[in-house]
């Protein structure tokens, strides 16, 4: 198997390499190609990745290149993990919305719209190259945020693609550890849109343990997602951490205004990681990488690749076309639910009817996502404004006008039409 990783110069990449080493029996890979436009990062990440493979006894050949065509040629799968504009653009996404009393976040709200506008056109150009040069049945696995919008852009353009996020596997691993069982004995009734999801059931050997957990450990579960215990008790589910931006917006905004941005924290971690990667003696995944985020990223990616290669029919949480699973959304919208890989495609597991408060929020954010994708593909201030105004965290026209101007000012260099 040849695997190409576009954005391979990311400090995340050694997390993937570590997973490939640990699970090499389950996922045999002959060639790994790291593709990136940043030569300095590519050299450092490529070098430490090779040392890790050697130490771990993995036979794969690793190539680092800035040539996208060469990198994806004859690839069996292409994983895309990009951050257009780097941490500098992320810091802007986390800052300028505060001027209009909105949260600043790189995937949710106004900042998420900015990231979508920067990212979708680039990913679509990469996908066109993949379609021309990778193997005809190659899959694109998108780990690039905002995953739901980017995945829908890929599917709408006819690409063989699936979106991946680590939120669900994080919950699964946590519950498996608490139950003292192997992760594959834990299944989730996970539902929603990317970064807008709820755990409606946690099944250990087929038995739903969530009701009991909410009764006996409500405070701990609420603390995990930093939400009020009363909210979880009323909902009867566990919202993902990203629901905090909706359920506790003003509290989060206050915290953001009095603390460093996540981009500032990550930038410092990345500098430490790159210094470690430059050390010829470093040939294992540094512990500090855990602070970078993306917990269980490698496991999620490897499990998905194994499923694509026909290794297992166990449901995995992915981003895929709705196709009637959530009847209140269009078929071509992208949702995040458990799905099985069957006969060359992902098929979602059935989802029980959702309560009105959850389905209503999903519908509202889905409407925003559709407008955001239209703006990302076709450009124009009017489209950006319509998407901005439609987001549930914005809504007011004057606020949307101001946020649109701030977005366009901060991102003009990334938007070809601006």
Protein backbone atom coordinates (compact mmCIF):
# COMPACT_ATOMS: atom_id res chain seq x y z
CA UNK A 1 0.00 0.00 0.00
CA UNK A 2 1.19 3.49 -0.84
CA UNK A 3 -0.11 6.25 1.42
CA UNK A 4 0.35 9.95 0.63
CA UNK A 5 -0.04 12.51 3.42
CA UNK A 6 -0.67 15.99 2.05
CA UNK A 7 0.38 18.41 4.76
CA UNK A 8 2.99 15.86 5.80
CA UNK A 9 5.20 18.55 7.32
CA UNK A 10 2.68 18.95 10.15
CA UNK A 11 3.96 18.37 13.67
CA UNK A 12 1.05 15.88 13.92
CA UNK A 13 2.70 13.50 11.44
CA UNK A 14 4.88 11.58 13.94
CA UNK A 15 1.64 10.68 15.74
CA UNK A 16 0.57 8.94 12.53
CA UNK A 17 3.95 7.29 12.08
CA UNK A 18 3.81 5.98 15.63
CA UNK A 19 0.43 4.43 14.87
CA UNK A 20 1.68 2.85 11.65
CA UNK A 21 4.52 1.25 13.61
CA UNK A 22 2.30 -0.09 16.40
CA UNK A 23 -0.34 -1.43 14.00
CA UNK A 24 1.87 -2.53 11.11
CA UNK A 25 0.49 -6.08 11.17
CA UNK A 26 -3.07 -4.81 10.72
CA UNK A 27 -2.16 -2.22 8.07
CA UNK A 28 0.79 -3.16 5.86
CA UNK A 29 2.24 -0.07 4.16
CA UNK A 30 5.12 -0.25 1.71
CA UNK A 31 5.51 3.45 0.99
CA UNK A 32 4.66 6.65 2.85
CA UNK A 33 4.99 9.97 1.05
CA UNK A 34 4.93 13.24 2.99
CA UNK A 35 3.90 16.14 0.74
CA UNK A 36 4.34 19.70 1.96
CA UNK A 37 5.24 23.15 0.64
CA UNK A 38 7.31 24.07 3.72
CA UNK A 39 10.82 22.65 3.09
CA UNK A 40 12.12 23.28 6.60
CA UNK A 41 9.27 21.46 8.31
CA UNK A 42 9.29 18.72 5.72
CA UNK A 43 12.98 18.01 6.31
CA UNK A 44 12.58 17.86 10.10
CA UNK A 45 9.39 15.82 10.15
CA UNK A 46 10.62 13.53 7.38
CA UNK A 47 13.87 12.84 9.20
CA UNK A 48 12.31 12.01 12.57
CA UNK A 49 9.68 9.88 10.83
CA UNK A 50 12.37 7.80 9.12
CA UNK A 51 14.19 7.32 12.43
CA UNK A 52 10.94 6.21 14.06
CA UNK A 53 10.24 3.70 11.30
CA UNK A 54 13.74 2.28 11.59
CA UNK A 55 13.55 1.96 15.38
CA UNK A 56 10.09 0.41 15.15
CA UNK A 57 11.15 -2.15 12.56
CA UNK A 58 8.63 -0.89 10.00
CA UNK A 59 9.69 -1.75 6.44
CA UNK A 60 7.97 1.18 4.70
CA UNK A 61 10.00 3.51 2.54
CA UNK A 62 9.40 7.16 3.49
CA UNK A 63 9.71 9.95 0.92
CA UNK A 64 9.38 13.68 1.62
CA UNK A 65 8.60 15.96 -1.32
CA UNK A 66 7.02 19.26 -2.32
CA UNK A 67 5.87 17.71 -5.62
CA UNK A 68 2.17 16.95 -5.23
CA UNK A 69 1.89 15.02 -8.49
CA UNK A 70 4.81 12.74 -7.64
CA UNK A 71 3.59 12.37 -4.09
CA UNK A 72 0.10 11.13 -4.92
CA UNK A 73 0.93 9.20 -8.09
CA UNK A 74 -0.31 5.60 -7.79
CA UNK A 75 -1.31 6.15 -4.17
CA UNK A 76 -3.87 3.78 -2.69
CA UNK A 77 -5.06 6.45 -0.25
CA UNK A 78 -4.40 10.15 0.30
CA UNK A 79 -4.78 11.74 3.72
CA UNK A 80 -5.20 15.53 3.67
CA UNK A 81 -4.24 17.43 6.84
CA UNK A 82 -3.82 21.10 5.97
CA UNK A 83 -3.87 24.39 7.84
CA UNK A 84 -3.92 27.18 5.27
CA UNK A 85 -2.23 30.22 6.76
CA UNK A 86 -0.78 28.23 9.66
CA UNK A 87 -1.10 29.27 13.28
CA UNK A 88 -0.99 32.95 12.32
CA UNK A 89 -4.30 32.64 10.45
CA UNK A 90 -5.71 30.56 13.28
CA UNK A 91 -4.79 33.26 15.79
CA UNK A 92 -6.72 35.77 13.72
CA UNK A 93 -9.75 33.46 13.58
CA UNK A 94 -9.61 33.25 17.38
CA UNK A 95 -9.31 37.03 17.86
CA UNK A 96 -11.23 39.32 15.49
CA UNK A 97 -14.71 37.90 16.30
CA UNK A 98 -14.25 39.27 19.83
CA UNK A 99 -14.60 42.78 18.41
CA UNK A 100 -18.27 42.00 17.78
CA UNK A 101 -18.85 39.95 20.95
CA UNK A 102 -18.62 36.55 19.29
CA UNK A 103 -16.44 33.61 20.23
CA UNK A 104 -13.24 33.17 18.27
CA UNK A 105 -12.74 29.56 17.20
CA UNK A 106 -11.08 28.02 14.17
CA UNK A 107 -13.93 25.70 13.15
CA UNK A 108 -17.05 27.10 14.82
CA UNK A 109 -18.74 30.44 14.21
CA UNK A 110 -17.14 33.33 12.29
CA UNK A 111 -13.61 31.90 12.56
CA UNK A 112 -14.80 28.61 11.15
CA UNK A 113 -16.26 30.42 8.16
CA UNK A 114 -12.91 32.15 7.58
CA UNK A 115 -11.14 28.79 7.68
CA UNK A 116 -13.61 27.27 5.22
CA UNK A 117 -13.11 30.13 2.76
CA UNK A 118 -9.33 29.70 2.90
CA UNK A 119 -9.34 25.93 2.78
CA UNK A 120 -12.00 24.61 0.39
CA UNK A 121 -10.47 25.94 -2.86
CA UNK A 122 -7.04 24.55 -1.97
CA UNK A 123 -8.37 21.11 -1.04
CA UNK A 124 -10.41 20.92 -4.25
CA UNK A 125 -7.31 21.67 -6.33
CA UNK A 126 -5.39 18.96 -4.49
CA UNK A 127 -8.26 16.52 -5.01
CA UNK A 128 -8.22 17.16 -8.76
CA UNK A 129 -4.55 16.14 -8.81
CA UNK A 130 -5.36 13.03 -6.80
CA UNK A 131 -8.12 12.07 -9.24
CA UNK A 132 -5.71 12.37 -12.17
CA UNK A 133 -2.65 10.66 -10.68
CA UNK A 134 -3.58 8.35 -7.79
CA UNK A 135 -4.98 4.87 -8.34
CA UNK A 136 -8.52 4.89 -9.80
CA UNK A 137 -10.03 3.47 -6.60
CA UNK A 138 -7.95 5.63 -4.23
CA UNK A 139 -9.74 7.20 -1.28
CA UNK A 140 -9.23 10.73 -0.02
CA UNK A 141 -9.40 10.82 3.78
CA UNK A 142 -10.02 14.39 4.91
CA UNK A 143 -8.76 15.40 8.33
CA UNK A 144 -8.71 19.08 7.36
CA UNK A 145 -11.07 21.39 9.24
CA UNK A 146 -13.83 22.31 8.96
CA UNK A 147 -14.18 18.61 8.12
CA UNK A 148 -17.91 18.59 7.36
CA UNK A 149 -17.77 21.48 4.90
CA UNK A 150 -14.54 20.27 3.26
CA UNK A 151 -15.86 16.72 2.90
CA UNK A 152 -19.08 17.95 1.32
CA UNK A 153 -17.04 20.04 -1.12
CA UNK A 154 -15.10 16.92 -2.11
CA UNK A 155 -18.19 14.73 -2.49
CA UNK A 156 -20.06 17.44 -4.39
CA UNK A 157 -17.16 17.53 -6.86
CA UNK A 158 -17.40 13.77 -7.35
CA UNK A 159 -14.36 12.69 -5.38
CA UNK A 160 -14.09 9.39 -3.53
CA UNK A 161 -13.77 10.93 -0.09
CA UNK A 162 -14.64 10.48 3.56
CA UNK A 163 -14.15 12.87 6.47
CA UNK A 164 -12.50 11.96 9.76
CA UNK A 165 -12.51 13.58 13.21
CA UNK A 166 -11.06 12.36 16.50
CA UNK A 167 -13.91 13.48 18.80
CA UNK A 168 -15.78 10.17 18.66
CA UNK A 169 -12.73 7.95 19.12
CA UNK A 170 -11.75 10.10 22.11
CA UNK A 171 -15.08 9.32 23.78
CA UNK A 172 -14.79 5.66 22.84
CA UNK A 173 -11.31 5.30 24.31
CA UNK A 174 -12.33 7.12 27.50
CA UNK A 175 -15.32 4.83 28.10
CA UNK A 176 -13.29 1.73 27.25
CA UNK A 177 -10.66 2.69 29.80
CA UNK A 178 -13.27 3.39 32.46
CA UNK A 179 -14.99 0.06 31.78
CA UNK A 180 -11.68 -1.80 31.71
CA UNK A 181 -12.35 -3.30 28.29
CA UNK A 182 -10.72 -3.24 24.86
CA UNK A 183 -11.86 -0.30 22.69
CA UNK A 184 -13.40 -2.57 20.06
CA UNK A 185 -15.95 -3.70 22.67
CA UNK A 186 -17.31 -0.15 22.91
CA UNK A 187 -19.71 1.33 20.35
CA UNK A 188 -21.19 4.80 20.23
CA UNK A 189 -24.54 6.19 19.18
CA UNK A 190 -22.78 9.30 17.89
CA UNK A 191 -24.80 11.78 15.83
CA UNK A 192 -24.67 15.28 14.38
CA UNK A 193 -22.46 17.35 12.15
CA UNK A 194 -18.70 17.64 12.46
CA UNK A 195 -17.90 19.54 15.69
CA UNK A 196 -21.62 19.55 16.51
CA UNK A 197 -22.22 16.07 17.89
CA UNK A 198 -23.84 14.25 20.78
CA UNK A 199 -23.26 10.79 22.28
CA UNK A 200 -26.74 9.30 22.69
CA UNK A 201 -25.57 5.88 23.75
CA UNK A 202 -22.39 4.11 24.84
CA UNK A 203 -22.60 0.37 24.28
CA UNK A 204 -20.21 -2.01 26.04
CA UNK A 205 -20.68 -5.49 24.60
CA UNK A 206 -24.01 -4.29 23.24
CA UNK A 207 -25.34 -2.92 26.54
CA UNK A 208 -25.97 0.84 26.79
CA UNK A 209 -24.09 2.09 29.86
CA UNK A 210 -24.74 5.79 29.25
CA UNK A 211 -27.92 6.13 31.35
CA UNK A 212 -26.15 4.61 34.34
CA UNK A 213 -23.09 6.76 33.80
CA UNK A 214 -25.18 9.93 33.64
CA UNK A 215 -26.82 8.94 36.91
CA UNK A 216 -23.73 7.87 38.82
CA UNK A 217 -21.02 10.10 37.33
CA UNK A 218 -22.91 13.12 36.07
CA UNK A 219 -20.49 15.63 37.55
CA UNK A 220 -17.41 13.95 36.07
CA UNK A 221 -18.97 13.66 32.61
CA UNK A 222 -20.08 17.29 32.69
CA UNK A 223 -16.61 18.40 33.75
CA UNK A 224 -15.09 16.47 30.85
CA UNK A 225 -16.97 18.61 28.31
CA UNK A 226 -16.99 21.71 30.55
CA UNK A 227 -20.77 22.03 30.60
CA UNK A 228 -23.35 22.25 33.37
CA UNK A 229 -24.41 18.91 34.92
CA UNK A 230 -28.03 20.06 34.76
CA UNK A 231 -27.73 20.42 30.98
CA UNK A 232 -26.46 16.87 30.51
CA UNK A 233 -29.11 15.54 32.88
CA UNK A 234 -31.89 17.23 30.93
CA UNK A 235 -30.55 16.24 27.52
CA UNK A 236 -29.80 12.67 28.60
CA UNK A 237 -26.78 12.67 26.28
CA UNK A 238 -23.17 13.85 26.30
CA UNK A 239 -22.54 16.82 23.99
CA UNK A 240 -19.09 17.09 22.46
CA UNK A 241 -16.81 19.79 23.81
CA UNK A 242 -17.62 21.92 20.76
CA UNK A 243 -21.21 22.31 21.93
CA UNK A 244 -19.80 24.50 24.68
CA UNK A 245 -19.52 27.29 22.10
CA UNK A 246 -23.31 27.20 21.84
CA UNK A 247 -24.52 26.13 25.28
CA UNK A 248 -22.07 28.38 27.16
CA UNK A 249 -21.18 31.03 24.56
CA UNK A 250 -20.87 34.03 26.88
CA UNK A 251 -18.82 32.10 29.43
CA UNK A 252 -16.42 30.95 26.70
CA UNK A 253 -16.18 34.47 25.27
CA UNK A 254 -15.24 35.83 28.70
CA UNK A 255 -12.55 33.15 29.09
CA UNK A 256 -11.14 33.84 25.63
CA UNK A 257 -10.83 37.53 26.32
CA UNK A 258 -8.74 36.87 29.41
CA UNK A 259 -6.47 34.08 28.19
CA UNK A 260 -3.97 33.47 25.44
CA UNK A 261 -5.38 32.08 22.21
CA UNK A 262 -5.08 28.39 21.49
CA UNK A 263 -2.97 29.36 18.47
CA UNK A 264 -0.41 30.98 20.76
CA UNK A 265 -0.26 27.85 22.90
CA UNK A 266 0.06 25.55 19.90
CA UNK A 267 2.72 27.72 18.27
CA UNK A 268 4.91 27.35 21.37
CA UNK A 269 4.33 23.58 21.46
CA UNK A 270 5.19 23.30 17.77
CA UNK A 271 8.46 25.17 18.27
CA UNK A 272 9.43 22.72 21.01
CA UNK A 273 8.43 19.77 18.82
CA UNK A 274 10.44 20.99 15.84
CA UNK A 275 13.50 21.40 18.06
CA UNK A 276 13.06 17.82 19.20
CA UNK A 277 12.54 16.57 15.64
CA UNK A 278 15.85 18.23 14.69
CA UNK A 279 17.71 16.11 17.27
CA UNK A 280 19.21 13.05 15.51
CA UNK A 281 18.85 11.08 18.75
CA UNK A 282 15.03 11.44 18.79
CA UNK A 283 13.51 8.34 17.19
CA UNK A 284 10.23 7.97 19.10
CA UNK A 285 7.10 10.10 19.43
CA UNK A 286 7.83 12.88 21.96
CA UNK A 287 5.53 12.99 24.99
CA UNK A 288 4.91 16.69 24.40
CA UNK A 289 3.08 15.78 21.19
CA UNK A 290 0.09 14.88 23.37
CA UNK A 291 -0.29 18.58 24.20
CA UNK A 292 -0.56 19.41 20.49
CA UNK A 293 -4.09 18.01 20.31
CA UNK A 294 -5.49 15.35 18.03
CA UNK A 295 -5.60 12.56 20.60
CA UNK A 296 -6.05 9.12 19.00
CA UNK A 297 -5.62 10.72 15.58
CA UNK A 298 -3.43 7.86 14.35
CA UNK A 299 -5.79 5.17 15.64
CA UNK A 300 -8.78 6.84 13.96
CA UNK A 301 -6.93 7.13 10.65
CA UNK A 302 -5.56 3.60 10.74
CA UNK A 303 -8.90 2.04 11.69
CA UNK A 304 -10.48 3.86 8.77
CA UNK A 305 -7.78 2.75 6.32
CA UNK A 306 -8.15 -0.85 7.53
CA UNK A 307 -11.90 -0.64 6.94
CA UNK A 308 -11.38 0.77 3.44
CA UNK A 309 -9.09 -2.17 2.63
CA UNK A 310 -11.80 -4.58 3.72
CA UNK A 311 -10.22 -5.51 7.02
CA UNK A 312 -13.27 -5.10 9.24
CA UNK A 313 -17.00 -4.37 9.10
CA UNK A 314 -17.09 -2.70 12.53
CA UNK A 315 -18.86 0.70 12.36
CA UNK A 316 -16.53 3.72 12.46
CA UNK A 317 -17.63 7.29 13.00
CA UNK A 318 -17.03 9.21 9.78
CA UNK A 319 -18.30 12.20 7.83
CA UNK A 320 -20.38 11.08 4.84
CA UNK A 321 -23.48 11.92 2.80
CA UNK A 322 -26.71 12.02 4.74
CA UNK A 323 -28.80 10.08 2.20
CA UNK A 324 -31.90 10.07 4.38
CA UNK A 325 -30.26 9.13 7.69
CA UNK A 326 -31.36 12.44 9.20
CA UNK A 327 -34.65 13.03 7.35
CA UNK A 328 -34.74 16.75 8.14
CA UNK A 329 -31.53 17.38 6.14
CA UNK A 330 -30.94 17.22 2.36
CA UNK A 331 -29.52 13.93 1.11
CA UNK A 332 -26.29 15.56 -0.05
CA UNK A 333 -25.49 17.16 3.28
CA UNK A 334 -22.58 15.66 5.22
CA UNK A 335 -23.27 14.23 8.66
CA UNK A 336 -21.08 12.57 11.29
CA UNK A 337 -22.35 9.15 12.36
CA UNK A 338 -21.15 5.54 12.66
CA UNK A 339 -20.91 3.81 9.28
CA UNK A 340 -19.66 0.54 7.82
CA UNK A 341 -17.52 0.19 4.72
CA UNK A 342 -19.51 -2.12 2.45
CA UNK A 343 -18.81 -2.91 -1.21
CA UNK A 344 -16.51 0.03 -1.70
CA UNK A 345 -18.59 2.68 0.03
CA UNK A 346 -19.53 3.85 3.51
CA UNK A 347 -23.06 3.07 4.65
CA UNK A 348 -24.38 4.86 7.73
CA UNK A 349 -25.95 2.98 10.59
CA UNK A 350 -29.63 3.85 11.28
CA UNK A 351 -30.20 6.78 13.62
CA UNK A 352 -33.22 7.01 15.92
CA UNK A 353 -35.35 10.15 15.72
CA UNK A 354 -33.76 13.15 17.41
CA UNK A 355 -35.45 15.49 19.90
CA UNK A 356 -36.48 18.86 18.51
CA UNK A 357 -33.84 20.91 20.32
CA UNK A 358 -31.01 18.82 18.87
CA UNK A 359 -32.48 18.44 15.37
CA UNK A 360 -33.25 22.17 15.32
CA UNK A 361 -29.67 23.15 16.08
CA UNK A 362 -28.34 20.65 13.54
CA UNK A 363 -30.69 22.07 10.90
CA UNK A 364 -29.63 25.64 11.63
CA UNK A 365 -25.90 24.87 11.45
CA UNK A 366 -26.42 22.74 8.33
CA UNK A 367 -28.07 25.70 6.62
CA UNK A 368 -25.06 27.83 7.50
CA UNK A 369 -22.68 25.14 6.21
CA UNK A 370 -24.39 25.06 2.83
CA UNK A 371 -24.10 28.83 2.48
CA UNK A 372 -20.48 28.70 3.69
CA UNK A 373 -19.58 26.16 1.01
CA UNK A 374 -21.29 28.26 -1.65
CA UNK A 375 -19.22 31.26 -0.54
CA UNK A 376 -16.00 29.22 -0.46
CA UNK A 377 -16.52 27.95 -4.02
CA UNK A 378 -17.98 31.00 -5.72
CA UNK A 379 -16.67 33.90 -3.59
CA UNK A 380 -18.17 37.35 -3.22
CA UNK A 381 -18.92 39.50 -0.19
CA UNK A 382 -22.67 38.96 -0.52
CA UNK A 383 -22.29 35.18 -0.21
CA UNK A 384 -19.96 35.56 2.78
CA UNK A 385 -22.45 37.90 4.46
CA UNK A 386 -25.35 35.51 3.90
CA UNK A 387 -23.36 32.63 5.40
CA UNK A 388 -22.19 34.75 8.32
CA UNK A 389 -25.67 36.00 9.14
CA UNK A 390 -27.15 32.49 8.99
CA UNK A 391 -24.87 31.08 11.67
CA UNK A 392 -26.77 30.55 14.96
CA UNK A 393 -24.03 32.37 16.88
CA UNK A 394 -24.42 35.50 14.72
CA UNK A 395 -27.93 36.03 13.23
CA UNK A 396 -28.12 39.82 13.70
CA UNK A 397 -27.57 41.66 10.43
CA UNK A 398 -25.45 44.51 11.82
CA UNK A 399 -23.24 42.03 13.64
CA UNK A 400 -22.91 39.94 10.48
CA UNK A 401 -21.92 43.03 8.45
CA UNK A 402 -19.15 43.90 10.89
CA UNK A 403 -17.91 40.32 11.14
CA UNK A 404 -17.87 39.98 7.35
CA UNK A 405 -15.70 43.08 7.02
CA UNK A 406 -13.35 41.81 9.72
CA UNK A 407 -13.12 38.39 8.05
CA UNK A 408 -12.39 39.82 4.62
CA UNK A 409 -9.81 42.21 6.03
CA UNK A 410 -7.97 39.45 7.87
CA UNK A 411 -8.13 36.95 5.00
CA UNK A 412 -7.77 39.07 1.86
CA UNK A 413 -4.43 37.53 0.95
CA UNK A 414 -5.94 34.03 0.94
CA UNK A 415 -9.07 34.77 -1.10
CA UNK A 416 -8.46 34.98 -4.84
CA UNK A 417 -11.67 36.94 -5.42
CA UNK A 418 -11.21 39.42 -2.55
